[in-house]
Amino acid sequence: MGHIKKEIAIGILVSLLATACGFFVYLQYISQSDLSETLSKIKEGGMLGSVIALSAIPNLFVFWVFLKKKQDYRARGVLITTIAVALLTAILKFF
């Protein structure tokens, strides 16, 4: 059972890293100003949930790679993180 938890944890960590990279890339391509100013504009515009949701797109690639390599438990970790990001997006959007 410990091996399965380790594999799921690896999937979660890789997914979080992919989401963070997606967030960084998204901010770099939409912004002409520095990072802190861009973040404040996103918060003011109420677009944080949408930006986080778009940042999770790289998880599709990570999920596909894990499935192709027959690493199902790592893919499960990616799925868990993606669902958590979707819930976070819904919370930010409606509250």
C-alpha atoms as a PDB file:
ATOM      1  CA  MET A   1       0.000   0.000   0.000  1.00  0.00           C
ATOM      2  CA  GLY A   2       2.908   2.382   0.693  1.00  0.00           C
ATOM      3  CA  HIS A   3       4.125   2.032  -2.893  1.00  0.00           C
ATOM      4  CA  ILE A   4       0.733   3.123  -4.245  1.00  0.00           C
ATOM      5  CA  LYS A   5       0.619   6.206  -2.013  1.00  0.00           C
ATOM      6  CA  LYS A   6       4.142   7.137  -3.110  1.00  0.00           C
ATOM      7  CA  GLU A   7       3.181   6.885  -6.788  1.00  0.00           C
ATOM      8  CA  ILE A   8       0.038   8.984  -6.274  1.00  0.00           C
ATOM      9  CA  ALA A   9       2.092  11.582  -4.362  1.00  0.00           C
ATOM     10  CA  ILE A  10       4.583  11.766  -7.238  1.00  0.00           C
ATOM     11  CA  GLY A  11       1.699  12.351  -9.647  1.00  0.00           C
ATOM     12  CA  ILE A  12       0.316  15.111  -7.425  1.00  0.00           C
ATOM     13  CA  LEU A  13       3.706  16.832  -7.179  1.00  0.00           C
ATOM     14  CA  VAL A  14       4.348  16.632 -10.922  1.00  0.00           C
ATOM     15  CA  SER A  15       0.862  17.972 -11.575  1.00  0.00           C
ATOM     16  CA  LEU A  16       1.354  20.888  -9.184  1.00  0.00           C
ATOM     17  CA  LEU A  17       4.639  21.702 -10.893  1.00  0.00           C
ATOM     18  CA  ALA A  18       2.972  21.543 -14.321  1.00  0.00           C
ATOM     19  CA  THR A  19       0.181  23.841 -13.116  1.00  0.00           C
ATOM     20  CA  ALA A  20       2.696  26.305 -11.668  1.00  0.00           C
ATOM     21  CA  CYS A  21       4.630  26.293 -14.942  1.00  0.00           C
ATOM     22  CA  GLY A  22       1.384  26.836 -16.852  1.00  0.00           C
ATOM     23  CA  PHE A  23       0.542  29.766 -14.572  1.00  0.00           C
ATOM     24  CA  PHE A  24       3.969  31.309 -15.111  1.00  0.00           C
ATOM     25  CA  VAL A  25       3.842  30.859 -18.890  1.00  0.00           C
ATOM     26  CA  TYR A  26       0.324  32.290 -19.027  1.00  0.00           C
ATOM     27  CA  LEU A  27       1.389  35.360 -17.055  1.00  0.00           C
ATOM     28  CA  GLN A  28       4.442  35.886 -19.234  1.00  0.00           C
ATOM     29  CA  TYR A  29       2.459  35.810 -22.482  1.00  0.00           C
ATOM     30  CA  ILE A  30      -0.423  38.088 -21.460  1.00  0.00           C
ATOM     31  CA  SER A  31       1.496  40.707 -19.553  1.00  0.00           C
ATOM     32  CA  GLN A  32       3.618  43.590 -20.701  1.00  0.00           C
ATOM     33  CA  SER A  33       4.366  44.619 -17.125  1.00  0.00           C
ATOM     34  CA  ASP A  34       6.058  42.955 -14.171  1.00  0.00           C
ATOM     35  CA  LEU A  35       4.710  39.928 -12.350  1.00  0.00           C
ATOM     36  CA  SER A  36       3.291  41.659  -9.262  1.00  0.00           C
ATOM     37  CA  GLU A  37       1.423  44.253 -11.331  1.00  0.00           C
ATOM     38  CA  THR A  38      -0.029  41.546 -13.557  1.00  0.00           C
ATOM     39  CA  LEU A  39      -1.211  39.550 -10.531  1.00  0.00           C
ATOM     40  CA  SER A  40      -2.891  42.601  -9.041  1.00  0.00           C
ATOM     41  CA  LYS A  41      -4.665  43.313 -12.353  1.00  0.00           C
ATOM     42  CA  ILE A  42      -5.904  39.726 -12.506  1.00  0.00           C
ATOM     43  CA  LYS A  43      -7.216  39.920  -8.929  1.00  0.00           C
ATOM     44  CA  GLU A  44      -8.884  43.287  -9.545  1.00  0.00           C
ATOM     45  CA  GLY A  45     -10.564  41.967 -12.677  1.00  0.00           C
ATOM     46  CA  GLY A  46     -11.860  38.878 -10.893  1.00  0.00           C
ATOM     47  CA  MET A  47     -10.057  36.633 -13.357  1.00  0.00           C
ATOM     48  CA  LEU A  48      -7.919  34.628 -10.928  1.00  0.00           C
ATOM     49  CA  GLY A  49     -10.113  31.528 -11.162  1.00  0.00           C
ATOM     50  CA  SER A  50     -10.030  31.577 -14.958  1.00  0.00           C
ATOM     51  CA  VAL A  51      -6.257  32.026 -15.034  1.00  0.00           C
ATOM     52  CA  ILE A  52      -5.763  29.125 -12.623  1.00  0.00           C
ATOM     53  CA  ALA A  53      -8.045  26.941 -14.744  1.00  0.00           C
ATOM     54  CA  LEU A  54      -6.060  27.757 -17.874  1.00  0.00           C
ATOM     55  CA  SER A  55      -2.865  27.070 -15.978  1.00  0.00           C
ATOM     56  CA  ALA A  56      -3.977  23.483 -15.435  1.00  0.00           C
ATOM     57  CA  ILE A  57      -3.925  22.723 -19.173  1.00  0.00           C
ATOM     58  CA  PRO A  58      -0.389  21.228 -19.009  1.00  0.00           C
ATOM     59  CA  ASN A  59      -1.876  18.558 -16.724  1.00  0.00           C
ATOM     60  CA  LEU A  60      -3.477  17.035 -19.823  1.00  0.00           C
ATOM     61  CA  PHE A  61      -0.048  16.381 -21.282  1.00  0.00           C
ATOM     62  CA  VAL A  62       1.323  15.024 -17.984  1.00  0.00           C
ATOM     63  CA  PHE A  63      -1.731  12.774 -17.566  1.00  0.00           C
ATOM     64  CA  TRP A  64      -1.345  11.438 -21.106  1.00  0.00           C
ATOM     65  CA  VAL A  65       2.380  10.719 -20.598  1.00  0.00           C
ATOM     66  CA  PHE A  66       1.725   8.802 -17.387  1.00  0.00           C
ATOM     67  CA  LEU A  67      -0.995   6.754 -19.075  1.00  0.00           C
ATOM     68  CA  LYS A  68       1.239   5.973 -22.064  1.00  0.00           C
ATOM     69  CA  LYS A  69       4.007   4.838 -19.715  1.00  0.00           C
ATOM     70  CA  LYS A  70       1.498   2.633 -17.842  1.00  0.00           C
ATOM     71  CA  GLN A  71       1.978   4.619 -14.628  1.00  0.00           C
ATOM     72  CA  ASP A  72      -1.674   4.571 -13.655  1.00  0.00           C
ATOM     73  CA  TYR A  73      -1.215   5.615 -10.028  1.00  0.00           C
ATOM     74  CA  ARG A  74       0.790   8.673 -11.029  1.00  0.00           C
ATOM     75  CA  ALA A  75      -1.948   9.525 -13.534  1.00  0.00           C
ATOM     76  CA  ARG A  76      -4.418   9.178 -10.667  1.00  0.00           C
ATOM     77  CA  GLY A  77      -2.405  11.780  -8.720  1.00  0.00           C
ATOM     78  CA  VAL A  78      -2.617  14.152 -11.689  1.00  0.00           C
ATOM     79  CA  LEU A  79      -6.357  13.610 -11.818  1.00  0.00           C
ATOM     80  CA  ILE A  80      -6.700  14.347  -8.094  1.00  0.00           C
ATOM     81  CA  THR A  81      -4.811  17.619  -8.502  1.00  0.00           C
ATOM     82  CA  THR A  82      -6.820  18.595 -11.569  1.00  0.00           C
ATOM     83  CA  ILE A  83     -10.075  18.038  -9.687  1.00  0.00           C
ATOM     84  CA  ALA A  84      -8.735  20.121  -6.795  1.00  0.00           C
ATOM     85  CA  VAL A  85      -7.844  22.930  -9.224  1.00  0.00           C
ATOM     86  CA  ALA A  86     -11.345  22.734 -10.706  1.00  0.00           C
ATOM     87  CA  LEU A  87     -12.878  23.018  -7.234  1.00  0.00           C
ATOM     88  CA  LEU A  88     -10.595  25.958  -6.407  1.00  0.00           C
ATOM     89  CA  THR A  89     -11.632  27.626  -9.650  1.00  0.00           C
ATOM     90  CA  ALA A  90     -15.312  27.173  -8.819  1.00  0.00           C
ATOM     91  CA  ILE A  91     -14.802  28.580  -5.328  1.00  0.00           C
ATOM     92  CA  LEU A  92     -12.954  31.623  -6.671  1.00  0.00           C
ATOM     93  CA  LYS A  93     -15.543  32.177  -9.359  1.00  0.00           C
ATOM     94  CA  PHE A  94     -18.651  32.000  -7.176  1.00  0.00           C
ATOM     95  CA  PHE A  95     -17.423  33.355  -3.835  1.00  0.00           C
END
